[in-house]
PDB file of all heavy atoms in Angstrom:
ATOM      1  N   PHE A   1       7.224  -5.027   1.144  1.00  0.00           N
ATOM      2  CA  PHE A   1       8.162  -4.353   0.380  1.00  0.00           C
ATOM      3  C   PHE A   1       8.072  -2.859   0.776  1.00  0.00           C
ATOM      4  O   PHE A   1       9.119  -2.228   0.902  1.00  0.00           O
ATOM      5  CB  PHE A   1       7.746  -4.494  -1.148  1.00  0.00           C
ATOM      6  CG  PHE A   1       8.262  -5.815  -1.691  1.00  0.00           C
ATOM      7  CD1 PHE A   1       7.563  -6.347  -2.866  1.00  0.00           C
ATOM      8  CD2 PHE A   1       9.182  -6.543  -1.201  1.00  0.00           C
ATOM      9  CE1 PHE A   1       8.001  -7.460  -3.469  1.00  0.00           C
ATOM     10  CE2 PHE A   1       9.518  -7.735  -1.727  1.00  0.00           C
ATOM     11  CZ  PHE A   1       8.909  -8.211  -2.871  1.00  0.00           C
ATOM     12  N   GLU A   2       6.830  -2.333   0.718  1.00  0.00           N
ATOM     13  CA  GLU A   2       6.837  -0.902   0.921  1.00  0.00           C
ATOM     14  C   GLU A   2       7.101  -0.436   2.324  1.00  0.00           C
ATOM     15  O   GLU A   2       7.734   0.565   2.506  1.00  0.00           O
ATOM     16  CB  GLU A   2       5.307  -0.423   0.618  1.00  0.00           C
ATOM     17  CG  GLU A   2       5.022  -0.524  -0.831  1.00  0.00           C
ATOM     18  CD  GLU A   2       3.526  -0.400  -1.314  1.00  0.00           C
ATOM     19  OE1 GLU A   2       2.758  -0.035  -0.354  1.00  0.00           O
ATOM     20  OE2 GLU A   2       3.275  -0.513  -2.532  1.00  0.00           O
ATOM     21  N   ARG A   3       6.808  -1.255   3.366  1.00  0.00           N
ATOM     22  CA  ARG A   3       7.072  -0.923   4.715  1.00  0.00           C
ATOM     23  C   ARG A   3       8.591  -1.099   4.992  1.00  0.00           C
ATOM     24  O   ARG A   3       9.237  -0.204   5.597  1.00  0.00           O
ATOM     25  CB  ARG A   3       6.180  -1.622   5.765  1.00  0.00           C
ATOM     26  CG  ARG A   3       4.754  -1.413   5.652  1.00  0.00           C
ATOM     27  CD  ARG A   3       3.994  -2.243   6.628  1.00  0.00           C
ATOM     28  NE  ARG A   3       4.333  -1.956   7.988  1.00  0.00           N
ATOM     29  CZ  ARG A   3       3.629  -2.437   9.036  1.00  0.00           C
ATOM     30  NH1 ARG A   3       2.770  -3.286   8.875  1.00  0.00           N
ATOM     31  NH2 ARG A   3       4.047  -2.215  10.298  1.00  0.00           N
ATOM     32  N   GLY A   4       9.027  -2.271   4.493  1.00  0.00           N
ATOM     33  CA  GLY A   4      10.474  -2.508   4.780  1.00  0.00           C
ATOM     34  C   GLY A   4      11.431  -1.673   4.091  1.00  0.00           C
ATOM     35  O   GLY A   4      12.511  -1.505   4.447  1.00  0.00           O
ATOM     36  N   ASN A   5      10.950  -1.054   2.985  1.00  0.00           N
ATOM     37  CA  ASN A   5      11.770  -0.084   2.160  1.00  0.00           C
ATOM     38  C   ASN A   5      11.468   1.389   2.463  1.00  0.00           C
ATOM     39  O   ASN A   5      11.751   2.168   1.536  1.00  0.00           O
ATOM     40  CB  ASN A   5      11.689  -0.425   0.706  1.00  0.00           C
ATOM     41  CG  ASN A   5      12.524  -1.674   0.344  1.00  0.00           C
ATOM     42  OD1 ASN A   5      13.654  -1.706   0.311  1.00  0.00           O
ATOM     43  ND2 ASN A   5      11.717  -2.786   0.163  1.00  0.00           N
ATOM     44  N   ALA A   6      10.801   1.722   3.530  1.00  0.00           N
ATOM     45  CA  ALA A   6      10.219   3.026   3.761  1.00  0.00           C
ATOM     46  C   ALA A   6      11.291   4.097   3.561  1.00  0.00           C
ATOM     47  O   ALA A   6      11.157   5.078   2.925  1.00  0.00           O
ATOM     48  CB  ALA A   6       9.660   3.163   5.157  1.00  0.00           C
ATOM     49  N   GLU A   7      12.467   3.804   4.314  1.00  0.00           N
ATOM     50  CA  GLU A   7      13.562   4.955   4.141  1.00  0.00           C
ATOM     51  C   GLU A   7      14.102   5.014   2.898  1.00  0.00           C
ATOM     52  O   GLU A   7      14.392   6.186   2.439  1.00  0.00           O
ATOM     53  CB  GLU A   7      14.620   4.530   5.305  1.00  0.00           C
ATOM     54  CG  GLU A   7      14.185   4.670   6.798  1.00  0.00           C
ATOM     55  CD  GLU A   7      15.190   4.535   7.722  1.00  0.00           C
ATOM     56  OE1 GLU A   7      16.380   4.449   7.359  1.00  0.00           O
ATOM     57  OE2 GLU A   7      14.878   4.593   8.967  1.00  0.00           O
ATOM     58  N   ARG A   8      14.334   3.917   2.185  1.00  0.00           N
ATOM     59  CA  ARG A   8      14.920   3.919   0.818  1.00  0.00           C
ATOM     60  C   ARG A   8      13.886   4.616  -0.096  1.00  0.00           C
ATOM     61  O   ARG A   8      14.362   5.379  -1.006  1.00  0.00           O
ATOM     62  CB  ARG A   8      15.200   2.605   0.350  1.00  0.00           C
ATOM     63  CG  ARG A   8      16.348   1.869   1.001  1.00  0.00           C
ATOM     64  CD  ARG A   8      16.676   0.575   0.403  1.00  0.00           C
ATOM     65  NE  ARG A   8      17.027   0.734  -1.096  1.00  0.00           N
ATOM     66  CZ  ARG A   8      16.744  -0.183  -1.994  1.00  0.00           C
ATOM     67  NH1 ARG A   8      16.239  -1.450  -1.547  1.00  0.00           N
ATOM     68  NH2 ARG A   8      17.061   0.043  -3.241  1.00  0.00           N
ATOM     69  N   ILE A   9      12.571   4.302  -0.014  1.00  0.00           N
ATOM     70  CA  ILE A   9      11.639   4.977  -0.880  1.00  0.00           C
ATOM     71  C   ILE A   9      11.620   6.462  -0.673  1.00  0.00           C
ATOM     72  O   ILE A   9      11.741   7.248  -1.652  1.00  0.00           O
ATOM     73  CB  ILE A   9      10.275   4.400  -0.639  1.00  0.00           C
ATOM     74  CG1 ILE A   9      10.182   2.872  -1.106  1.00  0.00           C
ATOM     75  CG2 ILE A   9       9.189   5.236  -1.290  1.00  0.00           C
ATOM     76  CD1 ILE A   9       8.994   2.182  -0.775  1.00  0.00           C
ATOM     77  N   ILE A  10      11.639   6.936   0.535  1.00  0.00           N
ATOM     78  CA  ILE A  10      11.616   8.262   0.847  1.00  0.00           C
ATOM     79  C   ILE A  10      12.886   8.937   0.372  1.00  0.00           C
ATOM     80  O   ILE A  10      12.716  10.101  -0.103  1.00  0.00           O
ATOM     81  CB  ILE A  10      11.503   8.599   2.442  1.00  0.00           C
ATOM     82  CG1 ILE A  10      10.048   8.100   2.950  1.00  0.00           C
ATOM     83  CG2 ILE A  10      11.748   9.981   2.789  1.00  0.00           C
ATOM     84  CD1 ILE A  10       9.957   8.201   4.339  1.00  0.00           C
ATOM     85  N   GLY A  11      14.001   8.280   0.365  1.00  0.00           N
ATOM     86  CA  GLY A  11      15.220   8.911   0.013  1.00  0.00           C
ATOM     87  C   GLY A  11      15.438   8.944  -1.565  1.00  0.00           C
ATOM     88  O   GLY A  11      16.273   9.725  -2.059  1.00  0.00           O
ATOM     89  N   THR A  12      14.617   8.089  -2.212  1.00  0.00           N
ATOM     90  CA  THR A  12      14.856   8.021  -3.720  1.00  0.00           C
ATOM     91  C   THR A  12      13.689   8.787  -4.584  1.00  0.00           C
ATOM     92  O   THR A  12      13.838   9.052  -5.611  1.00  0.00           O
ATOM     93  CB  THR A  12      14.794   6.569  -4.317  1.00  0.00           C
ATOM     94  OG1 THR A  12      13.721   5.906  -3.764  1.00  0.00           O
ATOM     95  CG2 THR A  12      16.070   5.975  -3.710  1.00  0.00           C
ATOM     96  N   LEU A  13      12.618   9.235  -3.724  1.00  0.00           N
ATOM     97  CA  LEU A  13      11.536   9.848  -4.626  1.00  0.00           C
ATOM     98  C   LEU A  13      12.011  11.332  -4.821  1.00  0.00           C
ATOM     99  O   LEU A  13      12.318  12.100  -3.910  1.00  0.00           O
ATOM    100  CB  LEU A  13      10.274   9.920  -3.734  1.00  0.00           C
ATOM    101  CG  LEU A  13       9.539   8.457  -3.627  1.00  0.00           C
ATOM    102  CD1 LEU A  13       8.392   8.593  -2.531  1.00  0.00           C
ATOM    103  CD2 LEU A  13       9.019   8.098  -5.038  1.00  0.00           C
ATOM    104  N   SER A  14      11.985  11.642  -6.079  1.00  0.00           N
ATOM    105  CA  SER A  14      12.321  13.061  -6.452  1.00  0.00           C
ATOM    106  C   SER A  14      11.169  13.937  -6.394  1.00  0.00           C
ATOM    107  O   SER A  14      10.113  13.533  -6.249  1.00  0.00           O
ATOM    108  CB  SER A  14      12.798  13.003  -7.923  1.00  0.00           C
ATOM    109  OG  SER A  14      11.659  12.757  -8.844  1.00  0.00           O
ATOM    110  N   PRO A  15      11.407  15.298  -6.391  1.00  0.00           N
ATOM    111  CA  PRO A  15      10.231  16.144  -6.389  1.00  0.00           C
ATOM    112  C   PRO A  15       9.263  15.931  -7.400  1.00  0.00           C
ATOM    113  O   PRO A  15       7.911  16.092  -7.271  1.00  0.00           O
ATOM    114  CB  PRO A  15      10.855  17.483  -6.543  1.00  0.00           C
ATOM    115  CG  PRO A  15      12.205  17.367  -5.927  1.00  0.00           C
ATOM    116  CD  PRO A  15      12.622  16.027  -6.257  1.00  0.00           C
ATOM    117  N   ARG A  16       9.705  15.531  -8.694  1.00  0.00           N
ATOM    118  CA  ARG A  16       8.858  15.192  -9.782  1.00  0.00           C
ATOM    119  C   ARG A  16       7.898  13.938  -9.458  1.00  0.00           C
ATOM    120  O   ARG A  16       6.756  13.892  -9.786  1.00  0.00           O
ATOM    121  CB  ARG A  16       9.763  14.932 -11.071  1.00  0.00           C
ATOM    122  CG  ARG A  16       8.798  14.528 -12.325  1.00  0.00           C
ATOM    123  CD  ARG A  16       9.770  14.356 -13.485  1.00  0.00           C
ATOM    124  NE  ARG A  16      10.703  13.268 -13.136  1.00  0.00           N
ATOM    125  CZ  ARG A  16      10.364  11.885 -13.374  1.00  0.00           C
ATOM    126  NH1 ARG A  16       9.221  11.566 -13.655  1.00  0.00           N
ATOM    127  NH2 ARG A  16      11.313  11.002 -13.051  1.00  0.00           N
ATOM    128  N   HIS A  17       8.561  12.924  -8.893  1.00  0.00           N
ATOM    129  CA  HIS A  17       7.905  11.789  -8.424  1.00  0.00           C
ATOM    130  C   HIS A  17       6.736  12.165  -7.391  1.00  0.00           C
ATOM    131  O   HIS A  17       5.585  11.678  -7.512  1.00  0.00           O
ATOM    132  CB  HIS A  17       8.798  10.703  -7.755  1.00  0.00           C
ATOM    133  CG  HIS A  17       9.640   9.933  -8.737  1.00  0.00           C
ATOM    134  ND1 HIS A  17      10.909  10.031  -8.657  1.00  0.00           N
ATOM    135  CD2 HIS A  17       9.157   8.998  -9.707  1.00  0.00           C
ATOM    136  CE1 HIS A  17      11.458   9.159  -9.687  1.00  0.00           C
ATOM    137  NE2 HIS A  17      10.441   8.698 -10.235  1.00  0.00           N
ATOM    138  N   LEU A  18       7.106  12.936  -6.365  1.00  0.00           N
ATOM    139  CA  LEU A  18       6.144  13.506  -5.478  1.00  0.00           C
ATOM    140  C   LEU A  18       4.954  14.185  -6.059  1.00  0.00           C
ATOM    141  O   LEU A  18       3.842  13.864  -5.659  1.00  0.00           O
ATOM    142  CB  LEU A  18       6.825  14.261  -4.351  1.00  0.00           C
ATOM    143  CG  LEU A  18       7.852  13.369  -3.442  1.00  0.00           C
ATOM    144  CD1 LEU A  18       8.592  14.455  -2.660  1.00  0.00           C
ATOM    145  CD2 LEU A  18       7.139  12.496  -2.641  1.00  0.00           C
ATOM    146  N   GLU A  19       5.231  14.982  -7.013  1.00  0.00           N
ATOM    147  CA  GLU A  19       4.188  15.789  -7.631  1.00  0.00           C
ATOM    148  C   GLU A  19       3.282  14.806  -8.348  1.00  0.00           C
ATOM    149  O   GLU A  19       2.037  14.984  -8.458  1.00  0.00           O
ATOM    150  CB  GLU A  19       4.871  16.844  -8.679  1.00  0.00           C
ATOM    151  CG  GLU A  19       5.476  17.938  -7.865  1.00  0.00           C
ATOM    152  CD  GLU A  19       6.175  18.948  -8.880  1.00  0.00           C
ATOM    153  OE1 GLU A  19       5.913  18.748 -10.178  1.00  0.00           O
ATOM    154  OE2 GLU A  19       6.784  19.826  -8.366  1.00  0.00           O
ATOM    155  N   THR A  20       3.817  13.858  -9.106  1.00  0.00           N
ATOM    156  CA  THR A  20       3.063  12.869  -9.848  1.00  0.00           C
ATOM    157  C   THR A  20       2.177  12.016  -8.842  1.00  0.00           C
ATOM    158  O   THR A  20       1.010  11.817  -9.191  1.00  0.00           O
ATOM    159  CB  THR A  20       3.915  11.933 -10.617  1.00  0.00           C
ATOM    160  OG1 THR A  20       4.722  12.873 -11.538  1.00  0.00           O
ATOM    161  CG2 THR A  20       3.080  11.069 -11.566  1.00  0.00           C
ATOM    162  N   LEU A  21       2.811  11.646  -7.803  1.00  0.00           N
ATOM    163  CA  LEU A  21       1.972  10.853  -6.822  1.00  0.00           C
ATOM    164  C   LEU A  21       0.758  11.734  -6.158  1.00  0.00           C
ATOM    165  O   LEU A  21      -0.346  11.226  -6.016  1.00  0.00           O
ATOM    166  CB  LEU A  21       2.938  10.411  -5.494  1.00  0.00           C
ATOM    167  CG  LEU A  21       3.961   9.282  -5.999  1.00  0.00           C
ATOM    168  CD1 LEU A  21       4.935   9.260  -4.827  1.00  0.00           C
ATOM    169  CD2 LEU A  21       3.241   8.025  -6.298  1.00  0.00           C
ATOM    170  N   GLU A  22       1.089  12.942  -5.949  1.00  0.00           N
ATOM    171  CA  GLU A  22       0.007  13.805  -5.613  1.00  0.00           C
ATOM    172  C   GLU A  22      -1.129  13.945  -6.546  1.00  0.00           C
ATOM    173  O   GLU A  22      -2.288  13.965  -6.194  1.00  0.00           O
ATOM    174  CB  GLU A  22       0.623  15.212  -5.061  1.00  0.00           C
ATOM    175  CG  GLU A  22       1.391  15.256  -3.914  1.00  0.00           C
ATOM    176  CD  GLU A  22       1.970  16.632  -3.619  1.00  0.00           C
ATOM    177  OE1 GLU A  22       2.156  17.373  -4.649  1.00  0.00           O
ATOM    178  OE2 GLU A  22       2.440  16.877  -2.466  1.00  0.00           O
ATOM    179  N   GLY A  23      -0.606  13.925  -7.690  1.00  0.00           N
ATOM    180  CA  GLY A  23      -1.695  14.064  -8.883  1.00  0.00           C
ATOM    181  C   GLY A  23      -2.540  12.747  -8.917  1.00  0.00           C
ATOM    182  O   GLY A  23      -3.719  12.868  -9.162  1.00  0.00           O
ATOM    183  N   LEU A  24      -1.918  11.639  -8.693  1.00  0.00           N
ATOM    184  CA  LEU A  24      -2.557  10.351  -8.687  1.00  0.00           C
ATOM    185  C   LEU A  24      -3.571  10.293  -7.564  1.00  0.00           C
ATOM    186  O   LEU A  24      -4.763   9.780  -7.716  1.00  0.00           O
ATOM    187  CB  LEU A  24      -1.653   9.205  -8.590  1.00  0.00           C
ATOM    188  CG  LEU A  24      -0.948   9.089  -9.949  1.00  0.00           C
ATOM    189  CD1 LEU A  24       0.271   8.119  -9.835  1.00  0.00           C
ATOM    190  CD2 LEU A  24      -1.738   8.569 -10.988  1.00  0.00           C
ATOM    191  N   VAL A  25      -3.276  10.914  -6.261  1.00  0.00           N
ATOM    192  CA  VAL A  25      -4.160  10.875  -5.208  1.00  0.00           C
ATOM    193  C   VAL A  25      -5.405  11.767  -5.585  1.00  0.00           C
ATOM    194  O   VAL A  25      -6.559  11.322  -5.225  1.00  0.00           O
ATOM    195  CB  VAL A  25      -3.458  11.400  -4.010  1.00  0.00           C
ATOM    196  CG1 VAL A  25      -4.508  11.541  -2.862  1.00  0.00           C
ATOM    197  CG2 VAL A  25      -2.342  10.468  -3.547  1.00  0.00           C
ATOM    198  N   ALA A  26      -5.160  12.902  -6.215  1.00  0.00           N
ATOM    199  CA  ALA A  26      -6.321  13.790  -6.670  1.00  0.00           C
ATOM    200  C   ALA A  26      -7.154  13.082  -7.672  1.00  0.00           C
ATOM    201  O   ALA A  26      -8.341  13.228  -7.580  1.00  0.00           O
ATOM    202  CB  ALA A  26      -5.716  14.996  -7.149  1.00  0.00           C
TER     203      ALA A  26
END
């Protein structure tokens, strides 16, 4: 799912999503 939808995922993640993901990595 994640590899096959790489371009779609990248295209749909908002700046807010990305910030939250970075927080989860931390």
